[in-house]
Amino acid sequence: MPAESADKLTKKKSVKVEDYDEPVNFQNVSTELNRAYGEAHKHVFQYILEMHGTVTRKQLWTKFILYYTCYIAKRNPATAQCVVCNEEQLITLAEQLVKKINREIDWMKMQLNTIQSEFDGKLFVCLVNKHPYQGDLLSIAGFTPDEVFLLTKWLAYIFTSVDDEDDENTEDADGFIAKLKLSNMARNLPNPITELRLQALTDKLVQDKWIKEVNGGFDLQPRAIAELENVIRNKFQPACCALCLRVVVKKSLARQCDCKALMHQHCFTAFVKNATDIRPVRCPREVNGCTKVFYQTTQLHNGLQKVNQTVSRRSSRVEEDEAINSDAVESENESS
């Protein structure tokens, strides 16, 4: 396209911003949110798609306020950061926005799910399939049957691995799988997946924020849990948080009561927020006879220790696997 034509197109798409810096009124933003599904709502949904279906709750409300500021109120974009409101109002805005978008996209068999990261407690909004067969991986579009078979084995490894901290020889996946372990899984399928196809699959999962590459392997991310939680529950009966009742993937980051009840760290932090030495909070399984009490000052005790133990064991496993693989390659070269 000639440069002149491109300039004209750019000017046509641009929106005139009035030359003043007064922030918009938050009440007006809320009023716009409550109107019929319109351009502002569509803009946010398009942004979620561009971000591969996963955004933080903060990104969600920020994008809506920014759109209202620029395209409806015709203000300077910088003023979007100066809107006067409290955190509770922003959270309510995000929740209402999710509900409105979900009503609009219901016919697409999709929905926005909110889920908190087990790593840092950050809340994400994820676009997931409302597939009719909730317990079947095959109902999730975009994967070949061989890839679904591999994903099933992958999840089985993560959620059925032995978890015994007293035995150093047992293996606790803790949401993690080493690259070599995954490669061996792919090679040993009835219809083996080549390294090239496996690399393409993991690249896609990383891009779509299902997994994150770390320490010579991959960690399962909140997007994957949001999409696959029903599958995981039906197939593997995983441990669940005693407070929010959602799946616990990173046991090393969770709090565990003497009665073996697990709680996400972010759930536990909120649970003991108002606890004092005089008025501690009791285990959520108190109704089952547990008498354990928790104090605010001890909410992080042992959590970091367990993480360090898990990372250390994980690194050792990766190094051992790489050494074994290297010895096998050398043996093959010598025999040839």
C-alpha atoms as a PDB file:
ATOM      1  CA  MET A   1       0.000   0.000   0.000  1.00  0.00           C
ATOM      2  CA  PRO A   2       1.432   3.471  -0.919  1.00  0.00           C
ATOM      3  CA  ALA A   3       2.576   5.573   2.031  1.00  0.00           C
ATOM      4  CA  GLU A   4      -0.010   8.264   1.239  1.00  0.00           C
ATOM      5  CA  SER A   5      -2.890   5.730   1.337  1.00  0.00           C
ATOM      6  CA  ALA A   6      -1.615   4.262   4.592  1.00  0.00           C
ATOM      7  CA  ASP A   7      -1.579   7.742   6.172  1.00  0.00           C
ATOM      8  CA  LYS A   8      -5.165   8.359   5.107  1.00  0.00           C
ATOM      9  CA  LEU A   9      -6.256   5.007   6.560  1.00  0.00           C
ATOM     10  CA  THR A  10      -4.532   5.782   9.858  1.00  0.00           C
ATOM     11  CA  LYS A  11      -6.167   9.188  10.093  1.00  0.00           C
ATOM     12  CA  LYS A  12      -9.579   7.693   9.341  1.00  0.00           C
ATOM     13  CA  LYS A  13      -9.229   5.148  12.171  1.00  0.00           C
ATOM     14  CA  SER A  14      -7.895   7.628  14.737  1.00  0.00           C
ATOM     15  CA  VAL A  15     -10.173   9.220  17.327  1.00  0.00           C
ATOM     16  CA  LYS A  16      -9.872  12.878  18.209  1.00  0.00           C
ATOM     17  CA  VAL A  17      -8.922  13.434  21.837  1.00  0.00           C
ATOM     18  CA  GLU A  18     -10.035  16.702  23.389  1.00  0.00           C
ATOM     19  CA  ASP A  19      -7.284  18.825  24.810  1.00  0.00           C
ATOM     20  CA  TYR A  20      -7.939  18.658  28.518  1.00  0.00           C
ATOM     21  CA  ASP A  21      -6.807  16.360  31.324  1.00  0.00           C
ATOM     22  CA  GLU A  22      -9.776  16.096  33.645  1.00  0.00           C
ATOM     23  CA  PRO A  23     -10.353  12.442  34.637  1.00  0.00           C
ATOM     24  CA  VAL A  24     -13.733  10.869  33.927  1.00  0.00           C
ATOM     25  CA  ASN A  25     -16.204  10.222  36.719  1.00  0.00           C
ATOM     26  CA  PHE A  26     -16.182   6.572  37.828  1.00  0.00           C
ATOM     27  CA  GLN A  27     -19.965   6.619  38.108  1.00  0.00           C
ATOM     28  CA  ASN A  28     -20.138   7.344  34.380  1.00  0.00           C
ATOM     29  CA  VAL A  29     -17.870   4.370  33.702  1.00  0.00           C
ATOM     30  CA  SER A  30     -20.213   2.131  35.732  1.00  0.00           C
ATOM     31  CA  THR A  31     -23.211   3.503  33.843  1.00  0.00           C
ATOM     32  CA  GLU A  32     -21.553   2.615  30.534  1.00  0.00           C
ATOM     33  CA  LEU A  33     -20.816  -0.887  31.812  1.00  0.00           C
ATOM     34  CA  ASN A  34     -24.480  -1.435  32.690  1.00  0.00           C
ATOM     35  CA  ARG A  35     -25.718  -0.374  29.255  1.00  0.00           C
ATOM     36  CA  ALA A  36     -26.554  -2.944  26.588  1.00  0.00           C
ATOM     37  CA  TYR A  37     -23.551  -4.901  25.274  1.00  0.00           C
ATOM     38  CA  GLY A  38     -21.759  -2.395  23.065  1.00  0.00           C
ATOM     39  CA  GLU A  39     -18.436  -1.297  21.611  1.00  0.00           C
ATOM     40  CA  ALA A  40     -16.728  -0.909  24.994  1.00  0.00           C
ATOM     41  CA  HIS A  41     -17.572  -4.479  25.994  1.00  0.00           C
ATOM     42  CA  LYS A  42     -16.582  -5.798  22.546  1.00  0.00           C
ATOM     43  CA  HIS A  43     -13.275  -3.981  22.795  1.00  0.00           C
ATOM     44  CA  VAL A  44     -12.428  -5.715  26.084  1.00  0.00           C
ATOM     45  CA  PHE A  45     -13.404  -9.125  24.713  1.00  0.00           C
ATOM     46  CA  GLN A  46     -11.243  -8.528  21.621  1.00  0.00           C
ATOM     47  CA  TYR A  47      -8.355  -7.645  23.932  1.00  0.00           C
ATOM     48  CA  ILE A  48      -8.790 -10.947  25.795  1.00  0.00           C
ATOM     49  CA  LEU A  49      -8.616 -12.815  22.471  1.00  0.00           C
ATOM     50  CA  GLU A  50      -5.460 -10.927  21.509  1.00  0.00           C
ATOM     51  CA  MET A  51      -3.907 -11.946  24.839  1.00  0.00           C
ATOM     52  CA  HIS A  52      -4.503 -15.642  24.013  1.00  0.00           C
ATOM     53  CA  GLY A  53      -7.517 -15.877  26.292  1.00  0.00           C
ATOM     54  CA  THR A  54      -5.844 -14.934  29.578  1.00  0.00           C
ATOM     55  CA  VAL A  55      -5.658 -11.538  31.323  1.00  0.00           C
ATOM     56  CA  THR A  56      -5.361 -10.412  34.909  1.00  0.00           C
ATOM     57  CA  ARG A  57      -8.398  -8.916  36.614  1.00  0.00           C
ATOM     58  CA  LYS A  58      -6.526  -5.591  36.766  1.00  0.00           C
ATOM     59  CA  GLN A  59      -5.959  -5.654  33.000  1.00  0.00           C
ATOM     60  CA  LEU A  60      -9.675  -6.246  32.544  1.00  0.00           C
ATOM     61  CA  TRP A  61     -10.903  -3.171  34.411  1.00  0.00           C
ATOM     62  CA  THR A  62      -7.993  -1.048  33.140  1.00  0.00           C
ATOM     63  CA  LYS A  63      -8.865  -1.801  29.516  1.00  0.00           C
ATOM     64  CA  PHE A  64     -12.549  -0.914  30.012  1.00  0.00           C
ATOM     65  CA  ILE A  65     -11.792   2.377  31.788  1.00  0.00           C
ATOM     66  CA  LEU A  66      -9.201   3.279  29.156  1.00  0.00           C
ATOM     67  CA  TYR A  67     -11.654   2.630  26.320  1.00  0.00           C
ATOM     68  CA  TYR A  68     -14.341   4.731  27.990  1.00  0.00           C
ATOM     69  CA  THR A  69     -11.858   7.553  28.605  1.00  0.00           C
ATOM     70  CA  CYS A  70     -10.551   7.676  25.028  1.00  0.00           C
ATOM     71  CA  TYR A  71     -13.464   6.723  22.779  1.00  0.00           C
ATOM     72  CA  ILE A  72     -16.591   7.701  24.720  1.00  0.00           C
ATOM     73  CA  ALA A  73     -15.548  10.581  27.002  1.00  0.00           C
ATOM     74  CA  LYS A  74     -12.954  11.769  24.436  1.00  0.00           C
ATOM     75  CA  ARG A  75     -10.343  12.485  27.108  1.00  0.00           C
ATOM     76  CA  ASN A  76      -6.573  12.199  27.147  1.00  0.00           C
ATOM     77  CA  PRO A  77      -5.620   8.503  27.673  1.00  0.00           C
ATOM     78  CA  ALA A  78      -3.307   9.471  30.537  1.00  0.00           C
ATOM     79  CA  THR A  79      -6.300  10.571  32.603  1.00  0.00           C
ATOM     80  CA  ALA A  80      -7.553   6.972  32.781  1.00  0.00           C
ATOM     81  CA  GLN A  81      -4.981   6.403  35.534  1.00  0.00           C
ATOM     82  CA  CYS A  82      -6.454   9.248  37.592  1.00  0.00           C
ATOM     83  CA  VAL A  83     -10.042   8.003  37.897  1.00  0.00           C
ATOM     84  CA  VAL A  84     -11.101   8.307  41.550  1.00  0.00           C
ATOM     85  CA  CYS A  85     -12.420   5.011  42.971  1.00  0.00           C
ATOM     86  CA  ASN A  86     -11.518   2.354  45.513  1.00  0.00           C
ATOM     87  CA  GLU A  87     -10.372  -1.228  44.977  1.00  0.00           C
ATOM     88  CA  GLU A  88     -13.769  -2.650  45.909  1.00  0.00           C
ATOM     89  CA  GLN A  89     -15.417  -0.621  43.138  1.00  0.00           C
ATOM     90  CA  LEU A  90     -12.835  -1.846  40.613  1.00  0.00           C
ATOM     91  CA  ILE A  91     -13.357  -5.476  41.646  1.00  0.00           C
ATOM     92  CA  THR A  92     -17.128  -5.045  41.286  1.00  0.00           C
ATOM     93  CA  LEU A  93     -16.587  -3.483  37.851  1.00  0.00           C
ATOM     94  CA  ALA A  94     -14.501  -6.462  36.739  1.00  0.00           C
ATOM     95  CA  GLU A  95     -17.031  -8.988  38.084  1.00  0.00           C
ATOM     96  CA  GLN A  96     -19.945  -7.274  36.328  1.00  0.00           C
ATOM     97  CA  LEU A  97     -17.956  -7.041  33.114  1.00  0.00           C
ATOM     98  CA  VAL A  98     -17.234 -10.787  33.208  1.00  0.00           C
ATOM     99  CA  LYS A  99     -20.935 -11.553  33.743  1.00  0.00           C
ATOM    100  CA  LYS A 100     -22.029  -9.285  30.870  1.00  0.00           C
ATOM    101  CA  ILE A 101     -19.486 -10.746  28.429  1.00  0.00           C
ATOM    102  CA  ASN A 102     -20.399 -14.296  29.486  1.00  0.00           C
ATOM    103  CA  ARG A 103     -24.068 -13.689  28.703  1.00  0.00           C
ATOM    104  CA  GLU A 104     -23.111 -12.412  25.266  1.00  0.00           C
ATOM    105  CA  ILE A 105     -20.743 -15.267  24.327  1.00  0.00           C
ATOM    106  CA  ASP A 106     -22.838 -18.088  25.787  1.00  0.00           C
ATOM    107  CA  TRP A 107     -24.023 -19.097  22.288  1.00  0.00           C
ATOM    108  CA  MET A 108     -20.365 -19.700  21.353  1.00  0.00           C
ATOM    109  CA  LYS A 109     -20.127 -22.362  24.093  1.00  0.00           C
ATOM    110  CA  MET A 110     -17.416 -20.291  25.756  1.00  0.00           C
ATOM    111  CA  GLN A 111     -17.142 -18.410  29.032  1.00  0.00           C
ATOM    112  CA  LEU A 112     -14.775 -16.336  31.138  1.00  0.00           C
ATOM    113  CA  ASN A 113     -13.580 -18.098  34.299  1.00  0.00           C
ATOM    114  CA  THR A 114     -11.710 -16.449  37.151  1.00  0.00           C
ATOM    115  CA  ILE A 115      -8.900 -18.311  38.872  1.00  0.00           C
ATOM    116  CA  GLN A 116      -6.086 -17.367  41.238  1.00  0.00           C
ATOM    117  CA  SER A 117      -2.467 -18.297  40.658  1.00  0.00           C
ATOM    118  CA  GLU A 118      -1.049 -20.689  43.227  1.00  0.00           C
ATOM    119  CA  PHE A 119       2.337 -19.012  42.759  1.00  0.00           C
ATOM    120  CA  ASP A 120       1.489 -15.444  43.800  1.00  0.00           C
ATOM    121  CA  GLY A 121      -2.286 -15.258  44.348  1.00  0.00           C
ATOM    122  CA  LYS A 122      -2.796 -13.034  41.297  1.00  0.00           C
ATOM    123  CA  LEU A 123      -6.312 -13.338  39.901  1.00  0.00           C
ATOM    124  CA  PHE A 124      -6.682 -14.210  36.213  1.00  0.00           C
ATOM    125  CA  VAL A 125      -9.668 -14.124  33.885  1.00  0.00           C
ATOM    126  CA  CYS A 126      -9.474 -16.940  31.325  1.00  0.00           C
ATOM    127  CA  LEU A 127     -11.551 -17.655  28.228  1.00  0.00           C
ATOM    128  CA  VAL A 128     -12.434 -21.358  28.274  1.00  0.00           C
ATOM    129  CA  ASN A 129     -14.655 -23.778  26.385  1.00  0.00           C
ATOM    130  CA  LYS A 130     -18.071 -24.685  27.798  1.00  0.00           C
ATOM    131  CA  HIS A 131     -17.759 -28.080  26.162  1.00  0.00           C
ATOM    132  CA  PRO A 132     -20.704 -30.485  26.542  1.00  0.00           C
ATOM    133  CA  TYR A 133     -18.602 -33.414  27.790  1.00  0.00           C
ATOM    134  CA  GLN A 134     -17.003 -31.942  30.859  1.00  0.00           C
ATOM    135  CA  GLY A 135     -14.976 -35.030  31.740  1.00  0.00           C
ATOM    136  CA  ASP A 136     -13.492 -35.677  28.314  1.00  0.00           C
ATOM    137  CA  LEU A 137     -10.307 -34.099  26.959  1.00  0.00           C
ATOM    138  CA  LEU A 138     -11.439 -34.927  23.420  1.00  0.00           C
ATOM    139  CA  SER A 139     -14.124 -32.250  23.738  1.00  0.00           C
ATOM    140  CA  ILE A 140     -11.445 -29.544  23.902  1.00  0.00           C
ATOM    141  CA  ALA A 141     -10.828 -28.352  20.370  1.00  0.00           C
ATOM    142  CA  GLY A 142      -7.414 -27.751  18.848  1.00  0.00           C
ATOM    143  CA  PHE A 143      -5.647 -31.019  19.710  1.00  0.00           C
ATOM    144  CA  THR A 144      -5.146 -34.187  17.672  1.00  0.00           C
ATOM    145  CA  PRO A 145      -6.083 -37.558  19.240  1.00  0.00           C
ATOM    146  CA  ASP A 146      -2.379 -38.343  19.782  1.00  0.00           C
ATOM    147  CA  GLU A 147      -1.845 -35.007  21.523  1.00  0.00           C
ATOM    148  CA  VAL A 148      -4.916 -35.608  23.706  1.00  0.00           C
ATOM    149  CA  PHE A 149      -3.496 -39.028  24.660  1.00  0.00           C
ATOM    150  CA  LEU A 150      -0.200 -37.364  25.616  1.00  0.00           C
ATOM    151  CA  LEU A 151      -1.979 -34.635  27.596  1.00  0.00           C
ATOM    152  CA  THR A 152      -3.930 -37.301  29.485  1.00  0.00           C
ATOM    153  CA  LYS A 153      -0.711 -39.109  30.453  1.00  0.00           C
ATOM    154  CA  TRP A 154       0.870 -35.774  31.324  1.00  0.00           C
ATOM    155  CA  LEU A 155      -1.976 -34.871  33.690  1.00  0.00           C
ATOM    156  CA  ALA A 156      -1.958 -38.386  35.159  1.00  0.00           C
ATOM    157  CA  TYR A 157       1.733 -37.982  35.954  1.00  0.00           C
ATOM    158  CA  ILE A 158       1.102 -34.629  37.662  1.00  0.00           C
ATOM    159  CA  PHE A 159      -1.950 -35.653  39.683  1.00  0.00           C
ATOM    160  CA  THR A 160      -1.191 -39.289  40.546  1.00  0.00           C
ATOM    161  CA  SER A 161       2.536 -39.067  41.390  1.00  0.00           C
ATOM    162  CA  VAL A 162       3.525 -40.250  44.856  1.00  0.00           C
ATOM    163  CA  ASP A 163       3.715 -37.500  47.465  1.00  0.00           C
ATOM    164  CA  ASP A 164       5.683 -38.753  50.455  1.00  0.00           C
ATOM    165  CA  GLU A 165       8.006 -36.178  52.013  1.00  0.00           C
ATOM    166  CA  ASP A 166       9.480 -38.780  54.407  1.00  0.00           C
ATOM    167  CA  ASP A 167      10.835 -40.868  51.521  1.00  0.00           C
ATOM    168  CA  GLU A 168      13.504 -39.093  49.459  1.00  0.00           C
ATOM    169  CA  ASN A 169      13.161 -41.673  46.663  1.00  0.00           C
ATOM    170  CA  THR A 170       9.514 -40.938  45.938  1.00  0.00           C
ATOM    171  CA  GLU A 171       8.560 -38.540  43.166  1.00  0.00           C
ATOM    172  CA  ASP A 172       6.292 -35.557  43.722  1.00  0.00           C
ATOM    173  CA  ALA A 173       5.404 -33.904  40.391  1.00  0.00           C
ATOM    174  CA  ASP A 174       3.993 -30.795  42.104  1.00  0.00           C
ATOM    175  CA  GLY A 175       2.560 -29.517  38.814  1.00  0.00           C
ATOM    176  CA  PHE A 176       5.932 -29.939  37.068  1.00  0.00           C
ATOM    177  CA  ILE A 177       7.208 -32.295  34.373  1.00  0.00           C
ATOM    178  CA  ALA A 178      10.799 -32.466  33.105  1.00  0.00           C
ATOM    179  CA  LYS A 179      11.330 -32.094  29.343  1.00  0.00           C
ATOM    180  CA  LEU A 180      13.049 -35.477  29.149  1.00  0.00           C
ATOM    181  CA  LYS A 181      10.176 -37.168  30.992  1.00  0.00           C
ATOM    182  CA  LEU A 182       7.682 -35.605  28.580  1.00  0.00           C
ATOM    183  CA  SER A 183       9.827 -36.585  25.603  1.00  0.00           C
ATOM    184  CA  ASN A 184       9.895 -40.211  26.796  1.00  0.00           C
ATOM    185  CA  MET A 185       6.102 -40.150  27.209  1.00  0.00           C
ATOM    186  CA  ALA A 186       5.666 -38.889  23.652  1.00  0.00           C
ATOM    187  CA  ARG A 187       8.066 -41.490  22.259  1.00  0.00           C
ATOM    188  CA  ASN A 188       6.321 -44.377  24.030  1.00  0.00           C
ATOM    189  CA  LEU A 189       2.778 -43.638  22.834  1.00  0.00           C
ATOM    190  CA  PRO A 190       1.063 -46.241  20.576  1.00  0.00           C
ATOM    191  CA  ASN A 191       1.456 -43.631  17.827  1.00  0.00           C
ATOM    192  CA  PRO A 192       4.698 -41.918  18.860  1.00  0.00           C
ATOM    193  CA  ILE A 193       4.932 -38.134  18.672  1.00  0.00           C
ATOM    194  CA  THR A 194       8.172 -36.900  17.136  1.00  0.00           C
ATOM    195  CA  GLU A 195      10.401 -34.358  18.852  1.00  0.00           C
ATOM    196  CA  LEU A 196       9.433 -31.800  16.209  1.00  0.00           C
ATOM    197  CA  ARG A 197       5.697 -32.280  16.846  1.00  0.00           C
ATOM    198  CA  LEU A 198       6.276 -32.265  20.604  1.00  0.00           C
ATOM    199  CA  GLN A 199       8.169 -28.976  20.338  1.00  0.00           C
ATOM    200  CA  ALA A 200       5.309 -27.479  18.308  1.00  0.00           C
ATOM    201  CA  LEU A 201       2.790 -28.662  20.922  1.00  0.00           C
ATOM    202  CA  THR A 202       4.707 -27.276  23.907  1.00  0.00           C
ATOM    203  CA  ASP A 203       5.331 -23.996  22.039  1.00  0.00           C
ATOM    204  CA  LYS A 204       1.578 -23.661  21.474  1.00  0.00           C
ATOM    205  CA  LEU A 205       0.790 -24.452  25.121  1.00  0.00           C
ATOM    206  CA  VAL A 206       3.347 -21.882  26.291  1.00  0.00           C
ATOM    207  CA  GLN A 207       1.953 -19.266  23.901  1.00  0.00           C
ATOM    208  CA  ASP A 208      -1.608 -19.947  25.048  1.00  0.00           C
ATOM    209  CA  LYS A 209      -0.419 -19.732  28.685  1.00  0.00           C
ATOM    210  CA  TRP A 210      -1.332 -23.312  29.605  1.00  0.00           C
ATOM    211  CA  ILE A 211       2.241 -24.054  30.735  1.00  0.00           C
ATOM    212  CA  LYS A 212       5.404 -22.145  31.575  1.00  0.00           C
ATOM    213  CA  GLU A 213       8.932 -23.300  30.813  1.00  0.00           C
ATOM    214  CA  VAL A 214      11.011 -23.421  33.989  1.00  0.00           C
ATOM    215  CA  ASN A 215      13.989 -25.367  35.421  1.00  0.00           C
ATOM    216  CA  GLY A 216      14.385 -27.787  32.514  1.00  0.00           C
ATOM    217  CA  GLY A 217      10.688 -28.575  32.254  1.00  0.00           C
ATOM    218  CA  PHE A 218       7.175 -27.163  32.375  1.00  0.00           C
ATOM    219  CA  ASP A 219       4.856 -25.951  35.144  1.00  0.00           C
ATOM    220  CA  LEU A 220       1.070 -26.090  34.758  1.00  0.00           C
ATOM    221  CA  GLN A 221      -0.399 -22.563  34.725  1.00  0.00           C
ATOM    222  CA  PRO A 222      -3.772 -21.120  35.908  1.00  0.00           C
ATOM    223  CA  ARG A 223      -5.141 -21.060  32.321  1.00  0.00           C
ATOM    224  CA  ALA A 224      -4.771 -24.849  32.061  1.00  0.00           C
ATOM    225  CA  ILE A 225      -6.499 -25.391  35.409  1.00  0.00           C
ATOM    226  CA  ALA A 226      -9.355 -23.067  34.405  1.00  0.00           C
ATOM    227  CA  GLU A 227      -9.832 -25.029  31.173  1.00  0.00           C
ATOM    228  CA  LEU A 228      -9.269 -28.549  32.486  1.00  0.00           C
ATOM    229  CA  GLU A 229     -10.521 -28.476  36.087  1.00  0.00           C
ATOM    230  CA  ASN A 230     -13.608 -30.612  35.404  1.00  0.00           C
ATOM    231  CA  VAL A 231     -11.519 -33.138  33.464  1.00  0.00           C
ATOM    232  CA  ILE A 232      -8.961 -33.283  36.273  1.00  0.00           C
ATOM    233  CA  ARG A 233     -11.663 -33.776  38.932  1.00  0.00           C
ATOM    234  CA  ASN A 234     -13.425 -36.565  37.021  1.00  0.00           C
ATOM    235  CA  LYS A 235     -10.322 -38.491  35.984  1.00  0.00           C
ATOM    236  CA  PHE A 236      -7.829 -38.074  38.814  1.00  0.00           C
ATOM    237  CA  GLN A 237      -9.698 -37.111  42.036  1.00  0.00           C
ATOM    238  CA  PRO A 238      -7.012 -34.552  42.942  1.00  0.00           C
ATOM    239  CA  ALA A 239      -6.471 -32.804  46.255  1.00  0.00           C
ATOM    240  CA  CYS A 240      -8.685 -29.723  46.636  1.00  0.00           C
ATOM    241  CA  CYS A 241      -8.427 -26.618  48.778  1.00  0.00           C
ATOM    242  CA  ALA A 242     -10.466 -26.912  51.982  1.00  0.00           C
ATOM    243  CA  LEU A 243     -11.406 -23.214  51.672  1.00  0.00           C
ATOM    244  CA  CYS A 244     -12.206 -22.491  47.998  1.00  0.00           C
ATOM    245  CA  LEU A 245     -12.738 -26.169  47.001  1.00  0.00           C
ATOM    246  CA  ARG A 246     -10.737 -25.761  43.775  1.00  0.00           C
ATOM    247  CA  VAL A 247      -7.941 -28.084  42.654  1.00  0.00           C
ATOM    248  CA  VAL A 248      -4.559 -27.842  44.376  1.00  0.00           C
ATOM    249  CA  VAL A 249      -1.719 -28.352  41.880  1.00  0.00           C
ATOM    250  CA  LYS A 250       1.290 -26.913  43.738  1.00  0.00           C
ATOM    251  CA  LYS A 251       1.180 -28.790  47.028  1.00  0.00           C
ATOM    252  CA  SER A 252       4.557 -27.339  47.976  1.00  0.00           C
ATOM    253  CA  LEU A 253       2.984 -23.858  47.996  1.00  0.00           C
ATOM    254  CA  ALA A 254      -0.141 -24.883  49.905  1.00  0.00           C
ATOM    255  CA  ARG A 255      -0.715 -24.881  53.649  1.00  0.00           C
ATOM    256  CA  GLN A 256      -1.396 -28.277  55.181  1.00  0.00           C
ATOM    257  CA  CYS A 257      -3.155 -28.803  58.487  1.00  0.00           C
ATOM    258  CA  ASP A 258      -2.366 -31.676  60.860  1.00  0.00           C
ATOM    259  CA  CYS A 259      -5.575 -33.303  59.600  1.00  0.00           C
ATOM    260  CA  LYS A 260      -4.043 -33.282  56.052  1.00  0.00           C
ATOM    261  CA  ALA A 261      -6.435 -30.575  54.821  1.00  0.00           C
ATOM    262  CA  LEU A 262      -4.758 -28.525  52.080  1.00  0.00           C
ATOM    263  CA  MET A 263      -5.342 -24.807  51.526  1.00  0.00           C
ATOM    264  CA  HIS A 264      -3.983 -22.579  48.761  1.00  0.00           C
ATOM    265  CA  GLN A 265      -1.518 -20.068  50.183  1.00  0.00           C
ATOM    266  CA  HIS A 266      -3.616 -17.134  48.904  1.00  0.00           C
ATOM    267  CA  CYS A 267      -6.780 -18.679  50.404  1.00  0.00           C
ATOM    268  CA  PHE A 268      -5.043 -19.252  53.731  1.00  0.00           C
ATOM    269  CA  THR A 269      -3.640 -15.706  53.783  1.00  0.00           C
ATOM    270  CA  ALA A 270      -7.126 -14.258  53.347  1.00  0.00           C
ATOM    271  CA  PHE A 271      -8.502 -16.760  55.893  1.00  0.00           C
ATOM    272  CA  VAL A 272      -6.146 -15.675  58.701  1.00  0.00           C
ATOM    273  CA  LYS A 273      -6.061 -11.979  57.756  1.00  0.00           C
ATOM    274  CA  ASN A 274      -8.069 -10.902  60.804  1.00  0.00           C
ATOM    275  CA  ALA A 275      -6.770 -13.573  63.175  1.00  0.00           C
ATOM    276  CA  THR A 276      -4.952 -12.533  66.366  1.00  0.00           C
ATOM    277  CA  ASP A 277      -3.073 -14.321  69.121  1.00  0.00           C
ATOM    278  CA  ILE A 278      -6.211 -13.967  71.224  1.00  0.00           C
ATOM    279  CA  ARG A 279      -8.690 -14.894  68.487  1.00  0.00           C
ATOM    280  CA  PRO A 280      -7.085 -17.360  66.055  1.00  0.00           C
ATOM    281  CA  VAL A 281      -9.036 -19.070  63.285  1.00  0.00           C
ATOM    282  CA  ARG A 282      -9.823 -22.766  63.292  1.00  0.00           C
ATOM    283  CA  CYS A 283      -9.215 -25.326  60.578  1.00  0.00           C
ATOM    284  CA  PRO A 284     -12.062 -25.380  58.012  1.00  0.00           C
ATOM    285  CA  ARG A 285     -12.436 -29.078  58.805  1.00  0.00           C
ATOM    286  CA  GLU A 286     -13.386 -28.308  62.387  1.00  0.00           C
ATOM    287  CA  VAL A 287     -16.773 -29.901  61.662  1.00  0.00           C
ATOM    288  CA  ASN A 288     -14.898 -33.186  61.059  1.00  0.00           C
ATOM    289  CA  GLY A 289     -13.238 -33.019  64.451  1.00  0.00           C
ATOM    290  CA  CYS A 290     -10.014 -31.104  63.666  1.00  0.00           C
ATOM    291  CA  THR A 291      -8.947 -28.829  66.551  1.00  0.00           C
ATOM    292  CA  LYS A 292      -6.018 -27.076  64.835  1.00  0.00           C
ATOM    293  CA  VAL A 293      -5.899 -23.261  65.105  1.00  0.00           C
ATOM    294  CA  PHE A 294      -3.977 -20.807  62.929  1.00  0.00           C
ATOM    295  CA  TYR A 295      -2.404 -17.434  63.689  1.00  0.00           C
ATOM    296  CA  GLN A 296      -1.685 -14.582  61.318  1.00  0.00           C
ATOM    297  CA  THR A 297       1.980 -14.503  62.328  1.00  0.00           C
ATOM    298  CA  THR A 298       2.550 -18.114  61.275  1.00  0.00           C
ATOM    299  CA  GLN A 299       0.812 -18.068  57.886  1.00  0.00           C
ATOM    300  CA  LEU A 300       4.061 -18.455  55.869  1.00  0.00           C
ATOM    301  CA  HIS A 301       5.813 -20.878  58.248  1.00  0.00           C
ATOM    302  CA  ASN A 302       7.060 -24.050  56.479  1.00  0.00           C
ATOM    303  CA  GLY A 303       5.668 -22.904  53.125  1.00  0.00           C
ATOM    304  CA  LEU A 304       8.989 -21.552  51.891  1.00  0.00           C
ATOM    305  CA  GLN A 305      10.830 -24.513  53.355  1.00  0.00           C
ATOM    306  CA  LYS A 306       8.631 -26.945  51.436  1.00  0.00           C
ATOM    307  CA  VAL A 307       9.137 -24.977  48.217  1.00  0.00           C
ATOM    308  CA  ASN A 308      12.917 -25.117  48.578  1.00  0.00           C
ATOM    309  CA  GLN A 309      12.808 -28.854  49.232  1.00  0.00           C
ATOM    310  CA  THR A 310      10.647 -29.419  46.158  1.00  0.00           C
ATOM    311  CA  VAL A 311      12.824 -27.249  43.884  1.00  0.00           C
ATOM    312  CA  SER A 312      15.941 -29.008  45.134  1.00  0.00           C
ATOM    313  CA  ARG A 313      14.459 -32.469  44.514  1.00  0.00           C
ATOM    314  CA  ARG A 314      13.151 -31.348  41.121  1.00  0.00           C
ATOM    315  CA  SER A 315      16.572 -30.007  40.019  1.00  0.00           C
ATOM    316  CA  SER A 316      18.227 -33.239  41.114  1.00  0.00           C
ATOM    317  CA  ARG A 317      15.736 -35.313  39.081  1.00  0.00           C
ATOM    318  CA  VAL A 318      16.311 -33.183  35.981  1.00  0.00           C
ATOM    319  CA  GLU A 319      20.100 -33.442  36.307  1.00  0.00           C
ATOM    320  CA  GLU A 320      19.895 -37.230  36.811  1.00  0.00           C
ATOM    321  CA  ASP A 321      17.620 -37.662  33.792  1.00  0.00           C
ATOM    322  CA  GLU A 322      19.937 -35.558  31.618  1.00  0.00           C
ATOM    323  CA  ALA A 323      22.973 -37.580  32.785  1.00  0.00           C
ATOM    324  CA  ILE A 324      21.215 -40.881  32.015  1.00  0.00           C
ATOM    325  CA  ASN A 325      20.187 -39.602  28.599  1.00  0.00           C
ATOM    326  CA  SER A 326      23.750 -38.419  27.884  1.00  0.00           C
ATOM    327  CA  ASP A 327      25.195 -41.835  28.882  1.00  0.00           C
ATOM    328  CA  ALA A 328      22.673 -43.563  26.607  1.00  0.00           C
ATOM    329  CA  VAL A 329      23.652 -41.403  23.645  1.00  0.00           C
ATOM    330  CA  GLU A 330      27.368 -42.083  24.262  1.00  0.00           C
ATOM    331  CA  SER A 331      26.690 -45.822  24.437  1.00  0.00           C
ATOM    332  CA  GLU A 332      24.836 -45.724  21.139  1.00  0.00           C
ATOM    333  CA  ASN A 333      27.680 -43.799  19.501  1.00  0.00           C
ATOM    334  CA  GLU A 334      30.301 -46.292  20.785  1.00  0.00           C
ATOM    335  CA  SER A 335      28.286 -49.324  19.571  1.00  0.00           C
ATOM    336  CA  SER A 336      27.853 -47.770  16.129  1.00  0.00           C
END
